[in-house]
Each structure stands twice: as structure tokens, then as C-alpha cells.
Protein backbone atom coordinates (compact mmCIF):
# COMPACT_ATOMS: atom_id res chain seq x y z
CA UNK A 1 0.00 0.00 0.00
CA UNK A 2 3.00 2.33 0.19
CA UNK A 3 3.00 4.58 -2.89
CA UNK A 4 6.05 6.77 -2.25
CA UNK A 5 9.64 5.67 -2.78
CA UNK A 6 11.41 4.90 0.51
CA UNK A 7 14.00 7.55 1.49
CA UNK A 8 17.46 6.07 2.05
CA UNK A 9 20.88 7.62 2.64
CA UNK A 10 23.85 6.04 0.87
CA UNK A 11 26.85 7.83 2.34
CA UNK A 12 30.04 8.10 0.21
CA UNK A 13 32.34 5.25 1.19
CA UNK A 14 35.55 6.01 3.03
CA UNK A 15 38.91 5.40 1.41
CA UNK A 16 37.77 6.47 -2.06
CA UNK A 17 38.95 10.06 -2.26
CA UNK A 18 37.19 12.94 -3.99
CA UNK A 19 36.78 11.55 -7.54
CA UNK A 20 37.14 7.76 -7.52
CA UNK A 21 37.17 5.83 -10.80
CA UNK A 22 34.21 3.83 -9.44
CA UNK A 23 32.08 5.61 -6.87
CA UNK A 24 30.76 2.63 -4.90
CA UNK A 25 28.12 4.62 -3.02
CA UNK A 26 27.10 6.39 -6.23
CA UNK A 27 26.54 3.10 -8.07
CA UNK A 28 24.52 1.67 -5.15
CA UNK A 29 22.37 4.79 -4.90
CA UNK A 30 21.74 4.86 -8.66
CA UNK A 31 20.73 1.18 -8.66
CA UNK A 32 18.26 1.71 -5.82
CA UNK A 33 16.88 4.81 -7.56
CA UNK A 34 16.41 2.91 -10.84
CA UNK A 35 14.25 0.34 -9.07
CA UNK A 36 11.68 3.05 -8.35
CA UNK A 37 11.23 1.76 -4.80
CA UNK A 38 13.85 3.95 -3.13
CA UNK A 39 14.70 7.65 -3.12
CA UNK A 40 18.38 8.08 -2.18
CA UNK A 41 19.27 11.42 -0.61
CA UNK A 42 21.37 13.78 -2.69
CA UNK A 43 25.00 14.07 -1.58
CA UNK A 44 24.54 17.77 -0.81
CA UNK A 45 21.77 16.91 1.67
CA UNK A 46 23.85 14.55 3.82
CA UNK A 47 24.27 15.94 7.33
CA UNK A 48 27.52 14.03 7.93
CA UNK A 49 29.66 11.33 6.29
CA UNK A 50 30.12 8.38 8.61
CA UNK A 51 31.91 5.33 7.22
CA UNK A 52 31.11 2.86 10.01
CA UNK A 53 28.02 2.16 12.08
CA UNK A 54 29.70 3.43 15.25
CA UNK A 55 30.04 6.90 13.69
CA UNK A 56 26.33 7.29 12.85
CA UNK A 57 24.36 9.82 14.91
CA UNK A 58 20.88 8.51 14.29
CA UNK A 59 19.14 11.62 15.65
CA UNK A 60 20.65 13.68 12.84
CA UNK A 61 19.43 11.30 10.15
CA UNK A 62 15.94 11.07 11.63
CA UNK A 63 15.63 14.82 11.12
CA UNK A 64 16.15 14.21 7.39
CA UNK A 65 13.33 11.66 7.45
CA UNK A 66 15.63 9.02 6.04
CA UNK A 67 14.31 5.53 6.83
CA UNK A 68 17.59 3.68 6.19
CA UNK A 69 21.29 4.47 5.93
CA UNK A 70 24.16 2.67 4.19
CA UNK A 71 27.76 3.32 5.24
CA UNK A 72 31.01 1.66 4.26
CA UNK A 73 34.64 1.95 3.31
CA UNK A 74 37.09 0.65 0.73
CA UNK A 75 40.60 -0.47 1.67
CA UNK A 76 43.51 -2.43 0.18
CA UNK A 77 43.49 -6.18 0.70
CA UNK A 78 46.02 -8.91 -0.06
CA UNK A 79 43.68 -10.19 -2.77
CA UNK A 80 42.96 -6.71 -4.17
CA UNK A 81 40.37 -4.38 -2.64
CA UNK A 82 38.07 -5.04 0.32
CA UNK A 83 34.68 -3.33 0.46
CA UNK A 84 32.87 -3.32 3.81
CA UNK A 85 29.34 -1.95 4.16
CA UNK A 86 26.57 -1.77 6.77
CA UNK A 87 22.84 -1.11 6.50
CA UNK A 88 20.86 0.36 9.40
CA UNK A 89 17.26 1.22 10.20
CA UNK A 90 17.45 4.93 11.06
CA UNK A 91 14.28 4.98 13.15
CA UNK A 92 15.40 2.20 15.50
CA UNK A 93 19.18 2.19 15.02
CA UNK A 94 18.95 -1.55 14.31
CA UNK A 95 21.67 -3.06 12.09
CA UNK A 96 20.06 -4.91 9.18
CA UNK A 97 22.98 -6.03 7.05
CA UNK A 98 26.76 -6.14 7.23
CA UNK A 99 29.19 -7.67 4.77
CA UNK A 100 32.81 -7.57 3.59
CA UNK A 101 33.47 -8.28 -0.08
CA UNK A 102 36.84 -8.70 -1.78
CA UNK A 103 37.21 -7.30 -5.28
CA UNK A 104 39.71 -5.48 -7.50
CA UNK A 105 39.71 -2.15 -9.30
CA UNK A 106 38.26 -3.63 -12.47
CA UNK A 107 35.50 -5.49 -10.62
CA UNK A 108 34.56 -2.71 -8.22
CA UNK A 109 31.47 -1.72 -10.19
CA UNK A 110 30.22 -5.33 -10.24
CA UNK A 111 30.80 -5.49 -6.48
CA UNK A 112 28.75 -2.32 -6.06
CA UNK A 113 25.87 -3.92 -7.97
CA UNK A 114 26.09 -6.98 -5.67
CA UNK A 115 25.82 -4.73 -2.63
CA UNK A 116 22.76 -3.00 -4.12
CA UNK A 117 21.21 -6.43 -4.79
CA UNK A 118 21.72 -7.46 -1.16
CA UNK A 119 20.27 -4.21 0.20
CA UNK A 120 17.28 -4.38 -2.15
CA UNK A 121 16.49 -7.95 -1.11
CA UNK A 122 16.91 -7.21 2.61
CA UNK A 123 14.48 -4.29 2.48
CA UNK A 124 11.89 -5.64 0.00
CA UNK A 125 12.16 -9.42 0.21
CA UNK A 126 12.66 -9.49 -3.58
CA UNK A 127 16.04 -10.54 -5.05
CA UNK A 128 17.88 -7.64 -6.67
CA UNK A 129 18.59 -7.63 -10.40
CA UNK A 130 21.28 -4.95 -10.56
CA UNK A 131 24.05 -7.50 -11.21
CA UNK A 132 22.36 -8.80 -14.34
CA UNK A 133 23.03 -7.66 -17.89
CA UNK A 134 21.03 -6.32 -20.80
CA UNK A 135 21.42 -7.04 -24.52
CA UNK A 136 20.28 -4.62 -27.20
CA UNK A 137 20.95 -3.53 -30.78
CA UNK A 138 22.30 -0.07 -31.59
CA UNK A 139 22.06 1.38 -35.10
CA UNK A 140 24.33 4.18 -36.30
CA UNK A 141 24.30 6.17 -39.52
CA UNK A 142 21.68 6.49 -42.23
CA UNK A 143 20.74 4.14 -45.09
CA UNK A 144 22.50 2.81 -47.01
CA UNK A 145 25.54 3.29 -44.73
CA UNK A 146 24.12 2.02 -41.44
CA UNK A 147 26.09 -0.04 -38.96
CA UNK A 148 24.47 -2.41 -36.49
CA UNK A 149 25.99 -3.42 -33.14
CA UNK A 150 24.81 -6.11 -30.76
CA UNK A 151 25.74 -4.82 -27.31
CA UNK A 152 25.82 -6.34 -23.83
CA UNK A 153 25.94 -3.94 -20.86
CA UNK A 154 25.33 -3.76 -17.12
CA UNK A 155 21.68 -3.52 -16.10
CA UNK A 156 22.09 0.25 -15.60
CA UNK A 157 23.46 0.74 -19.14
CA UNK A 158 27.11 1.15 -18.14
CA UNK A 159 30.03 -0.90 -19.42
CA UNK A 160 28.70 -1.61 -22.94
CA UNK A 161 30.58 -4.30 -24.87
CA UNK A 162 30.04 -4.96 -28.56
CA UNK A 163 29.37 -8.64 -29.21
CA UNK A 164 28.81 -8.36 -32.98
CA UNK A 165 29.10 -5.55 -35.52
CA UNK A 166 27.74 -5.65 -39.05
CA UNK A 167 26.62 -3.51 -41.98
CA UNK A 168 23.56 -5.78 -42.23
CA UNK A 169 20.66 -5.76 -39.75
CA UNK A 170 20.88 -7.55 -36.39
CA UNK A 171 17.61 -8.23 -34.59
CA UNK A 172 15.84 -9.93 -31.69
CA UNK A 173 18.59 -10.78 -29.17
CA UNK A 174 17.41 -13.35 -26.60
CA UNK A 175 19.24 -14.53 -23.48
CA UNK A 176 19.71 -18.22 -22.73
CA UNK A 177 18.45 -19.35 -19.33
CA UNK A 178 21.98 -19.57 -17.89
CA UNK A 179 22.92 -16.09 -19.16
CA UNK A 180 25.93 -17.46 -21.02
CA UNK A 181 24.63 -17.26 -24.61
CA UNK A 182 22.58 -15.06 -26.90
CA UNK A 183 20.38 -16.13 -29.79
CA UNK A 184 19.77 -13.46 -32.42
CA UNK A 185 18.85 -12.83 -36.05
CA UNK A 186 21.53 -11.61 -38.46
CA UNK A 187 21.16 -10.72 -42.12
CA UNK A 188 24.73 -11.55 -43.13
CA UNK A 189 24.84 -12.31 -46.85
CA UNK A 190 21.53 -10.45 -47.28
CA UNK A 191 19.48 -13.36 -45.88
CA UNK A 192 18.05 -13.85 -42.42
CA UNK A 193 19.58 -16.54 -40.20
CA UNK A 194 19.49 -17.32 -36.49
CA UNK A 195 22.75 -17.62 -34.58
CA UNK A 196 23.64 -18.72 -31.06
CA UNK A 197 26.74 -17.10 -29.57
CA UNK A 198 28.63 -17.88 -26.35
CA UNK A 199 29.56 -14.60 -24.72
CA UNK A 200 32.66 -15.79 -22.84
CA UNK A 201 34.41 -17.29 -25.86
CA UNK A 202 32.71 -15.47 -28.73
CA UNK A 203 32.00 -18.83 -30.37
CA UNK A 204 28.93 -18.61 -32.60
CA UNK A 205 27.03 -21.09 -34.70
CA UNK A 206 24.24 -20.74 -37.22
CA UNK A 207 21.29 -22.83 -36.07
CA UNK A 208 18.67 -21.88 -38.67
CA UNK A 209 19.11 -20.54 -42.19
CA UNK A 210 16.09 -22.06 -43.85
CA UNK A 211 14.55 -20.65 -47.01
CA UNK A 212 12.59 -17.46 -46.36
CA UNK A 213 12.36 -15.68 -43.01
CA UNK A 214 14.17 -16.94 -39.91
CA UNK A 215 13.16 -14.77 -36.98
CA UNK A 216 12.19 -14.10 -33.35
CA UNK A 217 14.17 -16.79 -31.48
CA UNK A 218 13.07 -17.60 -27.91
CA UNK A 219 14.81 -20.04 -25.56
CA UNK A 220 12.83 -22.80 -23.89
CA UNK A 221 12.98 -22.95 -20.07
CA UNK A 222 15.32 -25.99 -20.24
CA UNK A 223 17.66 -24.22 -22.70
CA UNK A 224 17.51 -27.09 -25.19
CA UNK A 225 15.10 -25.66 -27.75
CA UNK A 226 14.37 -22.46 -29.59
CA UNK A 227 10.93 -21.31 -30.66
CA UNK A 228 11.25 -19.61 -34.06
CA UNK A 229 9.24 -17.81 -36.70
CA UNK A 230 9.79 -19.34 -40.17
CA UNK A 231 8.20 -18.81 -43.58
CA UNK A 232 9.02 -22.19 -45.13
CA UNK A 233 5.81 -22.27 -47.22
CA UNK A 234 5.61 -18.51 -47.76
CA UNK A 235 3.62 -17.80 -44.60
CA UNK A 236 4.91 -16.90 -41.13
CA UNK A 237 4.30 -19.67 -38.58
CA UNK A 238 5.79 -20.88 -35.32
CA UNK A 239 8.22 -23.77 -35.05
CA UNK A 240 10.29 -25.36 -32.29
CA UNK A 241 13.92 -26.28 -33.03
CA UNK A 242 15.80 -28.88 -30.98
CA UNK A 243 19.32 -27.44 -30.78
CA UNK A 244 21.03 -30.81 -30.28
CA UNK A 245 19.33 -32.76 -33.08
CA UNK A 246 18.13 -29.91 -35.38
CA UNK A 247 14.70 -31.58 -35.31
CA UNK A 248 12.02 -29.08 -36.29
CA UNK A 249 8.41 -29.20 -35.02
CA UNK A 250 5.73 -27.04 -36.57
CA UNK A 251 3.43 -25.46 -33.97
CA UNK A 252 1.01 -23.25 -35.98
CA UNK A 253 -0.39 -23.59 -39.48
CA UNK A 254 -2.57 -20.64 -40.41
CA UNK A 255 -2.81 -18.15 -43.27
CA UNK A 256 -2.31 -15.33 -40.75
CA UNK A 257 1.03 -14.02 -39.52
CA UNK A 258 2.11 -15.89 -36.37
CA UNK A 259 5.27 -14.50 -34.78
CA UNK A 260 7.08 -13.33 -31.61
CA UNK A 261 6.86 -16.58 -29.60
CA UNK A 262 7.44 -16.66 -25.85
CA UNK A 263 7.57 -19.87 -23.79
CA UNK A 264 5.20 -20.53 -20.91
CA UNK A 265 6.93 -21.22 -17.61
CA UNK A 266 6.37 -24.99 -17.81
CA UNK A 267 7.71 -25.24 -21.39
CA UNK A 268 4.56 -26.91 -22.74
CA UNK A 269 3.04 -23.96 -24.60
CA UNK A 270 3.88 -20.72 -26.37
CA UNK A 271 2.46 -17.21 -26.17
CA UNK A 272 2.67 -15.40 -29.51
CA UNK A 273 1.39 -12.56 -31.69
CA UNK A 274 -1.08 -13.28 -34.49
CA UNK A 275 -3.33 -11.21 -36.74
CA UNK A 276 -5.67 -14.13 -37.47
CA UNK A 277 -8.59 -12.15 -35.99
CA UNK A 278 -7.88 -9.14 -38.22
CA UNK A 279 -5.47 -7.25 -35.93
CA UNK A 280 -2.42 -8.26 -33.86
CA UNK A 281 -3.44 -9.97 -30.61
CA UNK A 282 -1.84 -12.36 -28.11
CA UNK A 283 -2.58 -16.08 -28.29
CA UNK A 284 -1.43 -19.22 -26.50
CA UNK A 285 -0.88 -22.61 -28.12
CA UNK A 286 0.36 -25.96 -26.85
CA UNK A 287 3.66 -27.08 -28.36
CA UNK A 288 2.91 -29.75 -30.93
CA UNK A 289 1.39 -29.92 -34.38
CA UNK A 290 -2.32 -29.47 -34.95
CA UNK A 291 -3.12 -27.69 -31.67
CA UNK A 292 -5.72 -24.91 -31.75
CA UNK A 293 -4.48 -21.58 -30.31
CA UNK A 294 -6.48 -19.70 -27.68
CA UNK A 295 -6.89 -15.94 -27.95
CA UNK A 296 -5.93 -14.10 -24.74
CA UNK A 297 -6.20 -10.33 -25.38
CA UNK A 298 -9.35 -8.46 -26.39
CA UNK A 299 -8.69 -4.98 -24.95
CA UNK A 300 -7.40 -2.47 -27.57
CA UNK A 301 -7.00 -3.12 -31.29
CA UNK A 302 -3.27 -3.94 -31.14
CA UNK A 303 -1.43 -6.16 -28.66
CA UNK A 304 1.96 -7.68 -29.55
CA UNK A 305 5.40 -8.89 -28.40
CA UNK A 306 4.42 -10.90 -25.27
CA UNK A 307 7.14 -11.46 -22.65
CA UNK A 308 6.51 -13.55 -19.54
CA UNK A 309 7.23 -12.37 -16.00
CA UNK A 310 9.57 -14.58 -13.94
CA UNK A 311 6.67 -15.73 -11.75
CA UNK A 312 4.75 -16.90 -14.83
CA UNK A 313 1.64 -14.92 -13.91
CA UNK A 314 1.92 -11.82 -16.10
CA UNK A 315 2.82 -10.89 -19.66
CA UNK A 316 4.48 -7.63 -20.66
CA UNK A 317 3.41 -6.52 -24.13
CA UNK A 318 3.05 -3.59 -26.53
CA UNK A 319 -0.47 -2.19 -26.82
CA UNK A 320 -2.02 0.60 -28.91
CA UNK A 321 -3.50 2.95 -26.32
CA UNK A 322 -4.99 6.38 -27.05
CA UNK A 323 -3.07 6.67 -30.30
CA UNK A 324 0.32 5.57 -28.94
CA UNK A 325 2.22 2.30 -28.73
CA UNK A 326 2.84 1.74 -25.03
CA UNK A 327 4.08 -0.94 -22.64
CA UNK A 328 1.42 -2.78 -20.68
CA UNK A 329 1.07 -5.83 -18.46
CA UNK A 330 -1.54 -8.54 -18.91
CA UNK A 331 -2.62 -10.65 -15.94
CA UNK A 332 -3.01 -14.22 -17.20
CA UNK A 333 -5.57 -15.10 -14.52
CA UNK A 334 -7.82 -12.02 -14.47
CA UNK A 335 -7.18 -11.04 -18.13
CA UNK A 336 -6.73 -7.46 -16.95
CA UNK A 337 -4.62 -5.19 -19.19
CA UNK A 338 -2.74 -2.38 -17.43
CA UNK A 339 -0.92 0.34 -19.40
CA UNK A 340 2.37 1.37 -17.76
CA UNK A 341 3.99 3.97 -20.05
CA UNK A 342 2.79 7.15 -21.72
CA UNK A 343 4.99 7.65 -24.80
CA UNK A 344 3.89 7.01 -28.38
CA UNK A 345 6.53 4.59 -29.70
CA UNK A 346 7.48 2.10 -26.97
CA UNK A 347 8.45 -1.44 -27.97
CA UNK A 348 10.33 -4.65 -27.09
CA UNK A 349 9.52 -5.06 -23.38
CA UNK A 350 11.49 -7.51 -21.24
CA UNK A 351 11.21 -8.30 -17.53
CA UNK A 352 14.18 -8.12 -15.17
CA UNK A 353 14.89 -11.51 -13.56
CA UNK A 354 13.17 -10.40 -10.34
CA UNK A 355 10.05 -9.16 -12.13
CA UNK A 356 10.24 -5.76 -10.44
CA UNK A 357 11.02 -3.71 -13.56
CA UNK A 358 10.56 -3.92 -17.32
CA UNK A 359 13.16 -2.66 -19.78
CA UNK A 360 11.98 -1.49 -23.20
CA UNK A 361 12.95 0.56 -26.25
CA UNK A 362 11.48 3.99 -26.87
CA UNK A 363 12.00 7.22 -28.81
CA UNK A 364 13.45 10.34 -27.22
CA UNK A 365 14.16 13.45 -29.27
CA UNK A 366 13.90 11.51 -32.50
CA UNK A 367 16.47 8.94 -31.39
CA UNK A 368 16.15 5.44 -30.04
CA UNK A 369 16.69 4.98 -26.31
CA UNK A 370 16.37 2.37 -23.59
CA UNK A 371 14.09 2.96 -20.64
CA UNK A 372 12.77 1.15 -17.59
CA UNK A 373 9.38 1.11 -15.91
CA UNK A 374 8.48 -0.53 -12.62
CA UNK A 375 6.09 -3.44 -13.03
CA UNK A 376 3.38 -1.43 -11.25
CA UNK A 377 3.90 1.55 -13.58
CA UNK A 378 4.70 4.03 -10.80
CA UNK A 379 8.27 4.77 -11.88
CA UNK A 380 9.88 5.37 -15.28
CA UNK A 381 13.47 6.19 -16.11
CA UNK A 382 15.65 6.36 -19.20
CA UNK A 383 18.93 4.44 -19.12
CA UNK A 384 22.25 6.06 -19.89
CA UNK A 385 24.87 4.29 -21.99
CA UNK A 386 28.49 5.07 -21.13
């Protein structure tokens, strides 16, 4: 029932100097802010700068109406750098969390994300997702001289790393369940094909280059299969590809366009987009030939790109609402559609692993951008890329 973000003070960590290469407290505060559930105090508003729990004067922080405070320090360690932090309830003075993590200069940002994850889980009961990564496609230049880059970055948009670069389109990156591989569509050689690439080694293999369109790969929950969109007979339908045997199973067979598959949590059915009723809507079909799909969405004239929440109870999707394409959630039990964003060209939603936020693509100032919205729609924020 709490509607306002919880005020929290993340005090600059001791031992870091004035302008550290990685501001540990700054990363933690930004992560908590991005979640939409917390409102970190601005550095200029801090009444003091304690670095250990024994230095905190709780009366001072209660005057700022801060509910929680995080303090810590960074110091050299035989193995590299040691980061120690403590979390306290300001109202009661009760210690809630204390930990010492060993890192190095290069891994200090990742360590900061881990600390934010631990704090988020301690205060909300929901695992943090700040240590996870995002994958997206960036396009530079204008036709016919465009360049496409498949990029992997931290969940907050920092630390981007180019996985693949091409003068031909790259589309639809999809994470494997273990987070070690990406499946994506590439138009190398002017034809569409689906590739699977291991991120650690860079090893990639082409898993589908069948005649016509090869698109929209989606990993099964067990990581052994991909749901695909193929046009083998000239029409777009759904198929399931066994990655070990290359066995292909047709799932839909309709004159309409069936695309954008997403696996159900139990791996026995697919959610997908189809225009078989005259406009794009979300359907569900059991995996196997000859099964009759069930229509799920009836609100609004356009609903597409379903993506399942980690708890398996909700879909994120793109809906046409009041003249704009916006991100919405669809409750699979109540069939209630809830619009979360208010722009006019939002697309490609994807849940964070904890289900608390949805990342999506949007337009800002005529340019593509990444943004996040909390799963309840109360908080929206654009991501930076540095």
C-alpha cells in the first residue's frame, strides 16, 4: 500500500577520495533509484559522512526523514580491494545487514551492484537484479551506410561491450536461461539466419538458415530448444527447433502471420502474436502440431510482443493505447490489461529476472533509447549508456 519511494541515505564510502574511478556509493544509490522503490538522498543533503556504524548519529538522520542508511569503506586487501558496508534502520538504530566483499579495481562496479542487490532484497524481500546484464541492438548512420551493433551492458546501461558488428541488420537478441549465450537474427549475406553465440568465448554457430524468413528466437525454459518464426511455405508460422538434433516441429499452421513466440513457464506452450482475428493480438498454443491456439487479449485493437514475467503470472506486451504504442502488463488469470507507459513509440519489453522492472525501447528526441518502468507503472526512467 505504500505509494512513495522509501527515502534512504547512501553515504560516500571512506577510502575512495574525492573523484574515484568507481564511486561505490554512487553506483549503489543509482541502482536503488532505478528500481523506483527507493529515493536516495542527494549528496549535498547529507548531514555528515560516517563510514562505520559506530560513527552514525541517528538523531541527525531522523531529522532528514531518512528511513535507512548505508555506510562503508574501501581499503587495500592482499587479494585486491576489500569493500565493507553496513545497513541500518534509522528509526530504531537496528543493524540490518553487514558484509565484507573482496574485489579489484576492475571489478569494483560489479561489487557495487552486488551490494545494491543485497540491500534491495533485505528491504523488499525481492532478489535484486542490478548485477544482471542487458542485450540490445544499436544502429548508427543512415541508409545505405548504417552499422548495427549487438551490445551487452550492465543492467544500468554502463560498461557496454560490442558482441557483434555488421553492416547488415541484427535483430531480436534473446538470453539463454543460464545467461551465457545469446540467440539473435543476423542478415549476413543479405538473408536472415538465427545464430547462437557464447559470450565468454565469442564462439557462434548458425542454427537456422532455412529458405525465407528466420526470426524471433526464444529459448525454452530448459535451454535445449528455440521457438522460431519461419516462412518455409511462404507464410509466417511458429516452429520449435531442438538445438542438439536440429529436429524441427511445426506449432502453428494458419494463413495469418504468427510470430514473436514466448515460452510458458512450464515449457509446454507458447504465447505469440497473431493477426488471425484481423489485428495483432496475443494467443497461447500448446507445443505440438495441430493444436488450436487460444486468444488471450481483447482490450485495444493492437497487442503484440508478449514477454513472460519470472513468476509466470503476467505478460508484458506492446499495446495501442490512445493513439500511442505503449508498454502494458496482462494478468493471465484475471485477463486485466494495465498500461504502464505514456509515450507514443514504446516497444520490445522484457522483464528483469526479479520481475520488479521492465526494460523497453522507446523514442526520445527523435532517437532510439532504452528505458525502464516498474512493473506497477509508478516509476519510469531512461537508461544512460556510457
